[in-house]
């Protein structure tokens, strides 16, 4: 059964580790992430961007697939199904479809509008027992066509949003989506400390977990980050394993073209990536 991310993130915050959000794109992704979480006894958050939701034909399809897998694979660790970077309308659709957690990204609105829309969703999520993530200061890089340069959130604005009663807060601290450029200056820990000072016990979220050096990840967790999002890294691992399989001509041997065989190395590569991240984040054995 899907659960809200609230309890797993509060435990992570108190235990000084982080829960990974791994974005899903299809059946292979979902199955690989769930099996790894179960094997490692780690709580997990499955992230779905609006683009991925559309690709998988809609949120009801996603909910049906994930609920079916939890049952068929006998998954016993806590699993939250979470909308990633949702619009206000997208969040309402996911709540309706049966997601257990949503993110409303109002970071591109003026702060007052972000506050107003987030406040509405706080009410709805509280009634239904869902967790809600909000964002202040846009995260850089590209995600579903939105490009930004890694802004640093205003701590006062973070406090305004945190005070509404959201479950978790994503605040830009120089992090970006996708691959990090060579000249990336690194995470702004001073900004993170200032945000933490004003938001108190609120679990913080680090987007763009792909390519941030391990020591920076560990320091961010020490400073109150309880959820870290990973997407690009799984995609790169999947693509590299698939390329190797085809370049070695394995798709032309016997029934190597069967999608179950063709996609198997990629699925294993996702498992290895997820395992590596769960170990780094410290969530192994915490379920």
C-alpha atoms as a PDB file:
ATOM      1  CA  UNK A   1       0.000   0.000   0.000  1.00  0.00           C
ATOM      2  CA  UNK A   2       1.276   3.458  -0.899  1.00  0.00           C
ATOM      3  CA  UNK A   3       2.059   5.758   2.023  1.00  0.00           C
ATOM      4  CA  UNK A   4       2.560   9.486   2.442  1.00  0.00           C
ATOM      5  CA  UNK A   5       6.224  10.534   2.559  1.00  0.00           C
ATOM      6  CA  UNK A   6       5.705  12.391   5.855  1.00  0.00           C
ATOM      7  CA  UNK A   7       6.720   9.667   8.295  1.00  0.00           C
ATOM      8  CA  UNK A   8       9.683   8.372   6.271  1.00  0.00           C
ATOM      9  CA  UNK A   9      11.082  11.905   5.919  1.00  0.00           C
ATOM     10  CA  UNK A  10      10.657  12.782   9.585  1.00  0.00           C
ATOM     11  CA  UNK A  11      12.485   9.568  10.509  1.00  0.00           C
ATOM     12  CA  UNK A  12      15.216  10.419   7.984  1.00  0.00           C
ATOM     13  CA  UNK A  13      15.571  13.945   9.359  1.00  0.00           C
ATOM     14  CA  UNK A  14      15.835  12.673  12.930  1.00  0.00           C
ATOM     15  CA  UNK A  15      18.193   9.841  11.946  1.00  0.00           C
ATOM     16  CA  UNK A  16      20.456  12.040   9.765  1.00  0.00           C
ATOM     17  CA  UNK A  17      19.992  10.131   6.525  1.00  0.00           C
ATOM     18  CA  UNK A  18      17.998  10.878   3.374  1.00  0.00           C
ATOM     19  CA  UNK A  19      15.325   9.004   1.425  1.00  0.00           C
ATOM     20  CA  UNK A  20      15.919   8.841  -2.322  1.00  0.00           C
ATOM     21  CA  UNK A  21      13.276   9.895  -4.803  1.00  0.00           C
ATOM     22  CA  UNK A  22      13.882   7.955  -7.998  1.00  0.00           C
ATOM     23  CA  UNK A  23      11.896   9.059 -11.012  1.00  0.00           C
ATOM     24  CA  UNK A  24      10.041   6.401 -12.960  1.00  0.00           C
ATOM     25  CA  UNK A  25       9.499   6.369 -16.717  1.00  0.00           C
ATOM     26  CA  UNK A  26       8.054   2.920 -17.420  1.00  0.00           C
ATOM     27  CA  UNK A  27       7.612  -0.617 -16.066  1.00  0.00           C
ATOM     28  CA  UNK A  28      11.339  -1.478 -16.030  1.00  0.00           C
ATOM     29  CA  UNK A  29      12.208   1.620 -14.036  1.00  0.00           C
ATOM     30  CA  UNK A  30       9.468   1.046 -11.479  1.00  0.00           C
ATOM     31  CA  UNK A  31      10.206  -2.651 -11.028  1.00  0.00           C
ATOM     32  CA  UNK A  32      13.986  -2.112 -10.677  1.00  0.00           C
ATOM     33  CA  UNK A  33      13.566   0.617  -8.048  1.00  0.00           C
ATOM     34  CA  UNK A  34      10.967  -1.306  -5.999  1.00  0.00           C
ATOM     35  CA  UNK A  35      12.968  -4.547  -6.010  1.00  0.00           C
ATOM     36  CA  UNK A  36      16.126  -2.714  -4.906  1.00  0.00           C
ATOM     37  CA  UNK A  37      14.285  -0.886  -2.097  1.00  0.00           C
ATOM     38  CA  UNK A  38      12.852  -4.179  -0.844  1.00  0.00           C
ATOM     39  CA  UNK A  39      16.207  -5.972  -1.071  1.00  0.00           C
ATOM     40  CA  UNK A  40      17.992  -3.196   0.840  1.00  0.00           C
ATOM     41  CA  UNK A  41      15.110  -2.640   3.314  1.00  0.00           C
ATOM     42  CA  UNK A  42      15.017   1.036   2.368  1.00  0.00           C
ATOM     43  CA  UNK A  43      12.037   3.389   2.240  1.00  0.00           C
ATOM     44  CA  UNK A  44      11.647   4.896  -1.240  1.00  0.00           C
ATOM     45  CA  UNK A  45       9.819   7.631  -3.129  1.00  0.00           C
ATOM     46  CA  UNK A  46       8.825   7.025  -6.753  1.00  0.00           C
ATOM     47  CA  UNK A  47       8.834  10.349  -8.597  1.00  0.00           C
ATOM     48  CA  UNK A  48       6.676  11.061 -11.651  1.00  0.00           C
ATOM     49  CA  UNK A  49       7.119  14.264 -13.640  1.00  0.00           C
ATOM     50  CA  UNK A  50       4.119  15.585 -15.570  1.00  0.00           C
ATOM     51  CA  UNK A  51       5.928  14.662 -18.800  1.00  0.00           C
ATOM     52  CA  UNK A  52       6.550  11.082 -17.634  1.00  0.00           C
ATOM     53  CA  UNK A  53       2.937  10.836 -16.445  1.00  0.00           C
ATOM     54  CA  UNK A  54       1.755  11.814 -19.917  1.00  0.00           C
ATOM     55  CA  UNK A  55       4.221   9.387 -21.529  1.00  0.00           C
ATOM     56  CA  UNK A  56       2.803   6.532 -19.409  1.00  0.00           C
ATOM     57  CA  UNK A  57      -0.667   7.549 -20.747  1.00  0.00           C
ATOM     58  CA  UNK A  58      -1.853   9.259 -17.552  1.00  0.00           C
ATOM     59  CA  UNK A  59      -1.717   9.229 -13.759  1.00  0.00           C
ATOM     60  CA  UNK A  60      -4.334   6.501 -13.337  1.00  0.00           C
ATOM     61  CA  UNK A  61      -2.177   4.131 -15.383  1.00  0.00           C
ATOM     62  CA  UNK A  62       0.813   4.949 -13.171  1.00  0.00           C
ATOM     63  CA  UNK A  63      -1.166   4.374  -9.958  1.00  0.00           C
ATOM     64  CA  UNK A  64      -2.543   1.075 -11.308  1.00  0.00           C
ATOM     65  CA  UNK A  65       0.918  -0.174 -12.289  1.00  0.00           C
ATOM     66  CA  UNK A  66       2.568   0.814  -9.007  1.00  0.00           C
ATOM     67  CA  UNK A  67      -0.221  -0.594  -6.808  1.00  0.00           C
ATOM     68  CA  UNK A  68      -0.181  -3.812  -8.825  1.00  0.00           C
ATOM     69  CA  UNK A  69       3.578  -4.175  -8.377  1.00  0.00           C
ATOM     70  CA  UNK A  70       3.461  -3.534  -4.627  1.00  0.00           C
ATOM     71  CA  UNK A  71       1.086  -6.486  -4.372  1.00  0.00           C
ATOM     72  CA  UNK A  72       2.622  -8.846  -6.950  1.00  0.00           C
ATOM     73  CA  UNK A  73       6.222  -8.247  -5.838  1.00  0.00           C
ATOM     74  CA  UNK A  74       5.178  -8.412  -2.152  1.00  0.00           C
ATOM     75  CA  UNK A  75       6.833  -5.082  -1.350  1.00  0.00           C
ATOM     76  CA  UNK A  76       6.846  -4.455   2.414  1.00  0.00           C
ATOM     77  CA  UNK A  77       9.022  -1.305   2.683  1.00  0.00           C
ATOM     78  CA  UNK A  78       7.336   2.125   2.769  1.00  0.00           C
ATOM     79  CA  UNK A  79       6.717   3.451  -0.770  1.00  0.00           C
ATOM     80  CA  UNK A  80       5.380   6.900  -1.650  1.00  0.00           C
ATOM     81  CA  UNK A  81       4.205   7.768  -5.174  1.00  0.00           C
ATOM     82  CA  UNK A  82       5.015  11.427  -5.706  1.00  0.00           C
ATOM     83  CA  UNK A  83       4.318  14.006  -8.412  1.00  0.00           C
ATOM     84  CA  UNK A  84       7.589  15.779  -9.262  1.00  0.00           C
ATOM     85  CA  UNK A  85       7.523  19.512 -10.151  1.00  0.00           C
ATOM     86  CA  UNK A  86       3.760  19.561 -10.517  1.00  0.00           C
ATOM     87  CA  UNK A  87       1.601  22.428 -11.645  1.00  0.00           C
ATOM     88  CA  UNK A  88      -1.418  23.286  -9.482  1.00  0.00           C
ATOM     89  CA  UNK A  89      -3.735  21.467 -11.936  1.00  0.00           C
ATOM     90  CA  UNK A  90      -1.335  18.520 -12.181  1.00  0.00           C
ATOM     91  CA  UNK A  91      -1.276  18.183  -8.388  1.00  0.00           C
ATOM     92  CA  UNK A  92      -5.090  18.050  -8.271  1.00  0.00           C
ATOM     93  CA  UNK A  93      -5.124  15.376 -11.006  1.00  0.00           C
ATOM     94  CA  UNK A  94      -2.581  13.222  -9.128  1.00  0.00           C
ATOM     95  CA  UNK A  95      -4.487  13.558  -5.856  1.00  0.00           C
ATOM     96  CA  UNK A  96      -7.582  12.417  -7.737  1.00  0.00           C
ATOM     97  CA  UNK A  97      -5.753   9.500  -9.392  1.00  0.00           C
ATOM     98  CA  UNK A  98      -4.481   8.064  -6.100  1.00  0.00           C
ATOM     99  CA  UNK A  99      -0.931   9.400  -5.642  1.00  0.00           C
ATOM    100  CA  UNK A 100       0.166   9.418  -1.997  1.00  0.00           C
ATOM    101  CA  UNK A 101       2.299  12.558  -2.271  1.00  0.00           C
ATOM    102  CA  UNK A 102       2.526  15.599  -4.557  1.00  0.00           C
ATOM    103  CA  UNK A 103       4.890  18.431  -5.264  1.00  0.00           C
ATOM    104  CA  UNK A 104       3.546  21.803  -6.259  1.00  0.00           C
ATOM    105  CA  UNK A 105       6.279  23.842  -7.894  1.00  0.00           C
ATOM    106  CA  UNK A 106       5.168  27.461  -7.584  1.00  0.00           C
ATOM    107  CA  UNK A 107       8.737  28.789  -7.714  1.00  0.00           C
ATOM    108  CA  UNK A 108       8.124  30.641 -11.008  1.00  0.00           C
ATOM    109  CA  UNK A 109       5.179  32.582  -9.548  1.00  0.00           C
ATOM    110  CA  UNK A 110       5.533  35.770  -7.488  1.00  0.00           C
ATOM    111  CA  UNK A 111       5.901  34.680  -3.826  1.00  0.00           C
ATOM    112  CA  UNK A 112       2.357  35.759  -2.857  1.00  0.00           C
ATOM    113  CA  UNK A 113       0.838  33.590  -5.577  1.00  0.00           C
ATOM    114  CA  UNK A 114       3.113  30.675  -4.644  1.00  0.00           C
ATOM    115  CA  UNK A 115       1.925  31.075  -1.023  1.00  0.00           C
ATOM    116  CA  UNK A 116      -1.771  31.249  -2.003  1.00  0.00           C
ATOM    117  CA  UNK A 117      -1.693  28.179  -4.248  1.00  0.00           C
ATOM    118  CA  UNK A 118       0.458  26.176  -1.811  1.00  0.00           C
ATOM    119  CA  UNK A 119      -1.943  27.046   1.042  1.00  0.00           C
ATOM    120  CA  UNK A 120      -4.875  25.627  -0.963  1.00  0.00           C
ATOM    121  CA  UNK A 121      -3.007  22.372  -1.539  1.00  0.00           C
ATOM    122  CA  UNK A 122      -1.967  22.148   2.138  1.00  0.00           C
ATOM    123  CA  UNK A 123      -5.701  22.006   3.010  1.00  0.00           C
ATOM    124  CA  UNK A 124      -6.540  19.387   0.397  1.00  0.00           C
ATOM    125  CA  UNK A 125      -3.536  17.164   1.231  1.00  0.00           C
ATOM    126  CA  UNK A 126      -4.237  17.391   4.972  1.00  0.00           C
ATOM    127  CA  UNK A 127      -7.810  16.158   4.435  1.00  0.00           C
ATOM    128  CA  UNK A 128      -6.612  13.204   2.392  1.00  0.00           C
ATOM    129  CA  UNK A 129      -3.505  12.350   4.436  1.00  0.00           C
ATOM    130  CA  UNK A 130      -1.068  13.034   1.605  1.00  0.00           C
ATOM    131  CA  UNK A 131       2.357  14.648   1.863  1.00  0.00           C
ATOM    132  CA  UNK A 132       3.066  17.900   0.035  1.00  0.00           C
ATOM    133  CA  UNK A 133       6.354  19.290  -1.247  1.00  0.00           C
ATOM    134  CA  UNK A 134       6.672  22.966  -2.158  1.00  0.00           C
ATOM    135  CA  UNK A 135       9.481  24.838  -3.905  1.00  0.00           C
ATOM    136  CA  UNK A 136      11.105  28.230  -3.453  1.00  0.00           C
ATOM    137  CA  UNK A 137      13.787  29.533  -5.838  1.00  0.00           C
ATOM    138  CA  UNK A 138      13.856  27.572  -9.071  1.00  0.00           C
ATOM    139  CA  UNK A 139      16.237  24.640  -9.433  1.00  0.00           C
ATOM    140  CA  UNK A 140      18.597  25.139 -12.364  1.00  0.00           C
ATOM    141  CA  UNK A 141      19.207  22.972 -15.398  1.00  0.00           C
ATOM    142  CA  UNK A 142      16.545  21.529 -17.638  1.00  0.00           C
ATOM    143  CA  UNK A 143      13.500  19.541 -16.587  1.00  0.00           C
ATOM    144  CA  UNK A 144      10.639  18.985 -19.038  1.00  0.00           C
ATOM    145  CA  UNK A 145      11.697  22.023 -21.057  1.00  0.00           C
ATOM    146  CA  UNK A 146      12.128  24.387 -18.109  1.00  0.00           C
ATOM    147  CA  UNK A 147      15.687  25.776 -18.002  1.00  0.00           C
ATOM    148  CA  UNK A 148      17.208  27.588 -15.002  1.00  0.00           C
ATOM    149  CA  UNK A 149      20.713  28.374 -13.736  1.00  0.00           C
ATOM    150  CA  UNK A 150      20.690  27.134 -10.129  1.00  0.00           C
ATOM    151  CA  UNK A 151      19.168  29.964  -8.143  1.00  0.00           C
ATOM    152  CA  UNK A 152      19.540  30.417  -4.423  1.00  0.00           C
ATOM    153  CA  UNK A 153      16.236  30.668  -2.564  1.00  0.00           C
ATOM    154  CA  UNK A 154      15.434  33.598  -0.273  1.00  0.00           C
ATOM    155  CA  UNK A 155      15.337  32.225   3.297  1.00  0.00           C
ATOM    156  CA  UNK A 156      12.453  34.574   4.257  1.00  0.00           C
ATOM    157  CA  UNK A 157      10.376  33.244   1.343  1.00  0.00           C
ATOM    158  CA  UNK A 158      11.257  29.701   2.421  1.00  0.00           C
ATOM    159  CA  UNK A 159       9.917  30.489   5.883  1.00  0.00           C
ATOM    160  CA  UNK A 160       6.654  31.844   4.418  1.00  0.00           C
ATOM    161  CA  UNK A 161       6.055  28.597   2.544  1.00  0.00           C
ATOM    162  CA  UNK A 162       7.252  26.326   5.388  1.00  0.00           C
ATOM    163  CA  UNK A 163       4.899  28.087   7.828  1.00  0.00           C
ATOM    164  CA  UNK A 164       1.902  27.053   5.688  1.00  0.00           C
ATOM    165  CA  UNK A 165       2.364  23.497   6.947  1.00  0.00           C
ATOM    166  CA  UNK A 166       3.850  21.747   3.913  1.00  0.00           C
ATOM    167  CA  UNK A 167       5.537  18.391   4.592  1.00  0.00           C
ATOM    168  CA  UNK A 168       8.848  19.164   2.911  1.00  0.00           C
ATOM    169  CA  UNK A 169      10.512  22.059   1.161  1.00  0.00           C
ATOM    170  CA  UNK A 170      12.668  22.159  -1.964  1.00  0.00           C
ATOM    171  CA  UNK A 171      14.842  25.242  -1.886  1.00  0.00           C
ATOM    172  CA  UNK A 172      17.335  26.162  -4.574  1.00  0.00           C
ATOM    173  CA  UNK A 173      20.889  26.175  -3.201  1.00  0.00           C
ATOM    174  CA  UNK A 174      22.761  26.287  -6.501  1.00  0.00           C
ATOM    175  CA  UNK A 175      21.736  22.740  -7.488  1.00  0.00           C
ATOM    176  CA  UNK A 176      20.637  21.955 -11.045  1.00  0.00           C
ATOM    177  CA  UNK A 177      18.838  19.196 -12.942  1.00  0.00           C
ATOM    178  CA  UNK A 178      20.671  17.022 -15.446  1.00  0.00           C
ATOM    179  CA  UNK A 179      24.456  16.880 -15.828  1.00  0.00           C
ATOM    180  CA  UNK A 180      26.472  19.499 -13.971  1.00  0.00           C
ATOM    181  CA  UNK A 181      28.649  21.778 -16.132  1.00  0.00           C
ATOM    182  CA  UNK A 182      32.431  21.809 -15.631  1.00  0.00           C
ATOM    183  CA  UNK A 183      32.346  25.287 -14.081  1.00  0.00           C
ATOM    184  CA  UNK A 184      29.574  24.546 -11.549  1.00  0.00           C
ATOM    185  CA  UNK A 185      30.529  26.350  -8.308  1.00  0.00           C
ATOM    186  CA  UNK A 186      29.007  23.718  -5.978  1.00  0.00           C
ATOM    187  CA  UNK A 187      26.234  23.730  -3.406  1.00  0.00           C
ATOM    188  CA  UNK A 188      25.736  26.878  -1.332  1.00  0.00           C
ATOM    189  CA  UNK A 189      25.910  25.525   2.207  1.00  0.00           C
ATOM    190  CA  UNK A 190      25.704  29.031   3.680  1.00  0.00           C
ATOM    191  CA  UNK A 191      22.299  29.420   2.004  1.00  0.00           C
ATOM    192  CA  UNK A 192      21.218  25.979   3.227  1.00  0.00           C
ATOM    193  CA  UNK A 193      22.162  26.891   6.811  1.00  0.00           C
ATOM    194  CA  UNK A 194      20.219  30.170   6.605  1.00  0.00           C
ATOM    195  CA  UNK A 195      17.155  28.385   5.223  1.00  0.00           C
ATOM    196  CA  UNK A 196      17.393  25.707   7.911  1.00  0.00           C
ATOM    197  CA  UNK A 197      17.654  28.368  10.637  1.00  0.00           C
ATOM    198  CA  UNK A 198      14.320  29.877   9.543  1.00  0.00           C
ATOM    199  CA  UNK A 199      12.409  26.691   8.620  1.00  0.00           C
ATOM    200  CA  UNK A 200      13.280  24.746  11.775  1.00  0.00           C
ATOM    201  CA  UNK A 201      12.455  21.054  11.654  1.00  0.00           C
ATOM    202  CA  UNK A 202      11.062  21.087   8.109  1.00  0.00           C
ATOM    203  CA  UNK A 203      12.610  18.212   6.057  1.00  0.00           C
ATOM    204  CA  UNK A 204      14.460  19.805   3.127  1.00  0.00           C
ATOM    205  CA  UNK A 205      14.673  18.405  -0.401  1.00  0.00           C
ATOM    206  CA  UNK A 206      17.682  18.430  -2.710  1.00  0.00           C
ATOM    207  CA  UNK A 207      16.776  18.268  -6.403  1.00  0.00           C
ATOM    208  CA  UNK A 208      19.309  17.413  -9.075  1.00  0.00           C
ATOM    209  CA  UNK A 209      21.088  14.689  -7.080  1.00  0.00           C
ATOM    210  CA  UNK A 210      22.906  13.417 -10.188  1.00  0.00           C
ATOM    211  CA  UNK A 211      26.547  14.418 -10.219  1.00  0.00           C
ATOM    212  CA  UNK A 212      26.766  16.220  -6.868  1.00  0.00           C
ATOM    213  CA  UNK A 213      30.007  15.000  -5.207  1.00  0.00           C
ATOM    214  CA  UNK A 214      29.510  12.522  -2.349  1.00  0.00           C
ATOM    215  CA  UNK A 215      31.030  14.753   0.319  1.00  0.00           C
ATOM    216  CA  UNK A 216      28.581  17.536  -0.637  1.00  0.00           C
ATOM    217  CA  UNK A 217      25.646  15.101  -0.451  1.00  0.00           C
ATOM    218  CA  UNK A 218      26.728  13.977   3.029  1.00  0.00           C
ATOM    219  CA  UNK A 219      27.153  17.545   4.224  1.00  0.00           C
ATOM    220  CA  UNK A 220      23.702  18.499   2.860  1.00  0.00           C
ATOM    221  CA  UNK A 221      22.170  15.575   4.801  1.00  0.00           C
ATOM    222  CA  UNK A 222      23.940  16.760   7.968  1.00  0.00           C
ATOM    223  CA  UNK A 223      22.412  20.204   7.414  1.00  0.00           C
ATOM    224  CA  UNK A 224      18.816  18.943   7.229  1.00  0.00           C
ATOM    225  CA  UNK A 225      18.265  17.516   3.737  1.00  0.00           C
ATOM    226  CA  UNK A 226      16.022  14.444   4.151  1.00  0.00           C
ATOM    227  CA  UNK A 227      15.016  13.765   0.526  1.00  0.00           C
ATOM    228  CA  UNK A 228      17.275  13.653  -2.523  1.00  0.00           C
ATOM    229  CA  UNK A 229      15.989  13.357  -6.084  1.00  0.00           C
ATOM    230  CA  UNK A 230      17.761  11.186  -8.650  1.00  0.00           C
ATOM    231  CA  UNK A 231      16.687  10.856 -12.263  1.00  0.00           C
ATOM    232  CA  UNK A 232      19.376  11.578 -14.875  1.00  0.00           C
ATOM    233  CA  UNK A 233      21.828   9.089 -13.353  1.00  0.00           C
ATOM    234  CA  UNK A 234      19.414   6.157 -13.796  1.00  0.00           C
ATOM    235  CA  UNK A 235      18.724   7.254 -17.372  1.00  0.00           C
ATOM    236  CA  UNK A 236      22.439   7.399 -18.194  1.00  0.00           C
ATOM    237  CA  UNK A 237      23.064   3.960 -16.629  1.00  0.00           C
ATOM    238  CA  UNK A 238      20.117   2.438 -18.504  1.00  0.00           C
ATOM    239  CA  UNK A 239      21.248   3.939 -21.825  1.00  0.00           C
ATOM    240  CA  UNK A 240      24.879   2.801 -21.398  1.00  0.00           C
ATOM    241  CA  UNK A 241      23.879  -0.798 -20.601  1.00  0.00           C
ATOM    242  CA  UNK A 242      21.441  -0.923 -23.531  1.00  0.00           C
ATOM    243  CA  UNK A 243      24.061   0.507 -25.912  1.00  0.00           C
ATOM    244  CA  UNK A 244      26.606  -2.118 -24.773  1.00  0.00           C
ATOM    245  CA  UNK A 245      24.124  -4.977 -25.314  1.00  0.00           C
ATOM    246  CA  UNK A 246      23.370  -3.843 -28.870  1.00  0.00           C
ATOM    247  CA  UNK A 247      26.965  -2.950 -29.762  1.00  0.00           C
ATOM    248  CA  UNK A 248      28.005  -6.454 -28.681  1.00  0.00           C
ATOM    249  CA  UNK A 249      25.403  -7.799 -31.134  1.00  0.00           C
ATOM    250  CA  UNK A 250      23.466  -9.624 -28.410  1.00  0.00           C
ATOM    251  CA  UNK A 251      20.139  -8.515 -29.875  1.00  0.00           C
ATOM    252  CA  UNK A 252      21.020 -10.599 -32.954  1.00  0.00           C
ATOM    253  CA  UNK A 253      21.808 -13.789 -31.066  1.00  0.00           C
ATOM    254  CA  UNK A 254      18.927 -16.227 -30.641  1.00  0.00           C
ATOM    255  CA  UNK A 255      15.949 -14.357 -29.268  1.00  0.00           C
ATOM    256  CA  UNK A 256      18.082 -11.461 -28.050  1.00  0.00           C
ATOM    257  CA  UNK A 257      15.698  -9.016 -29.711  1.00  0.00           C
ATOM    258  CA  UNK A 258      12.913  -9.968 -27.272  1.00  0.00           C
ATOM    259  CA  UNK A 259      12.260  -6.776 -25.266  1.00  0.00           C
ATOM    260  CA  UNK A 260      12.505  -8.763 -22.037  1.00  0.00           C
ATOM    261  CA  UNK A 261      16.084  -9.656 -22.981  1.00  0.00           C
ATOM    262  CA  UNK A 262      16.898  -6.371 -24.700  1.00  0.00           C
ATOM    263  CA  UNK A 263      15.888  -4.254 -21.692  1.00  0.00           C
ATOM    264  CA  UNK A 264      17.247  -6.575 -18.981  1.00  0.00           C
ATOM    265  CA  UNK A 265      20.811  -5.138 -18.830  1.00  0.00           C
ATOM    266  CA  UNK A 266      19.375  -1.626 -18.546  1.00  0.00           C
ATOM    267  CA  UNK A 267      17.052  -2.699 -15.757  1.00  0.00           C
ATOM    268  CA  UNK A 268      19.997  -4.242 -13.873  1.00  0.00           C
ATOM    269  CA  UNK A 269      21.981  -1.026 -14.367  1.00  0.00           C
ATOM    270  CA  UNK A 270      19.138   0.971 -12.766  1.00  0.00           C
ATOM    271  CA  UNK A 271      19.180  -1.420  -9.786  1.00  0.00           C
ATOM    272  CA  UNK A 272      22.940  -0.905  -9.356  1.00  0.00           C
ATOM    273  CA  UNK A 273      22.557   2.886  -9.516  1.00  0.00           C
ATOM    274  CA  UNK A 274      19.684   2.922  -7.010  1.00  0.00           C
ATOM    275  CA  UNK A 275      21.666   0.675  -4.645  1.00  0.00           C
ATOM    276  CA  UNK A 276      24.685   2.967  -4.816  1.00  0.00           C
ATOM    277  CA  UNK A 277      22.498   6.017  -4.030  1.00  0.00           C
ATOM    278  CA  UNK A 278      20.625   4.351  -1.150  1.00  0.00           C
ATOM    279  CA  UNK A 279      23.962   3.402   0.399  1.00  0.00           C
ATOM    280  CA  UNK A 280      25.261   6.973  -0.028  1.00  0.00           C
ATOM    281  CA  UNK A 281      22.066   8.504   1.399  1.00  0.00           C
ATOM    282  CA  UNK A 282      22.166   6.159   4.411  1.00  0.00           C
ATOM    283  CA  UNK A 283      18.631   4.757   3.942  1.00  0.00           C
ATOM    284  CA  UNK A 284      19.643   1.075   3.740  1.00  0.00           C
ATOM    285  CA  UNK A 285      18.026  -0.992   6.520  1.00  0.00           C
ATOM    286  CA  UNK A 286      15.854   1.920   7.652  1.00  0.00           C
ATOM    287  CA  UNK A 287      12.512   0.472   6.503  1.00  0.00           C
END
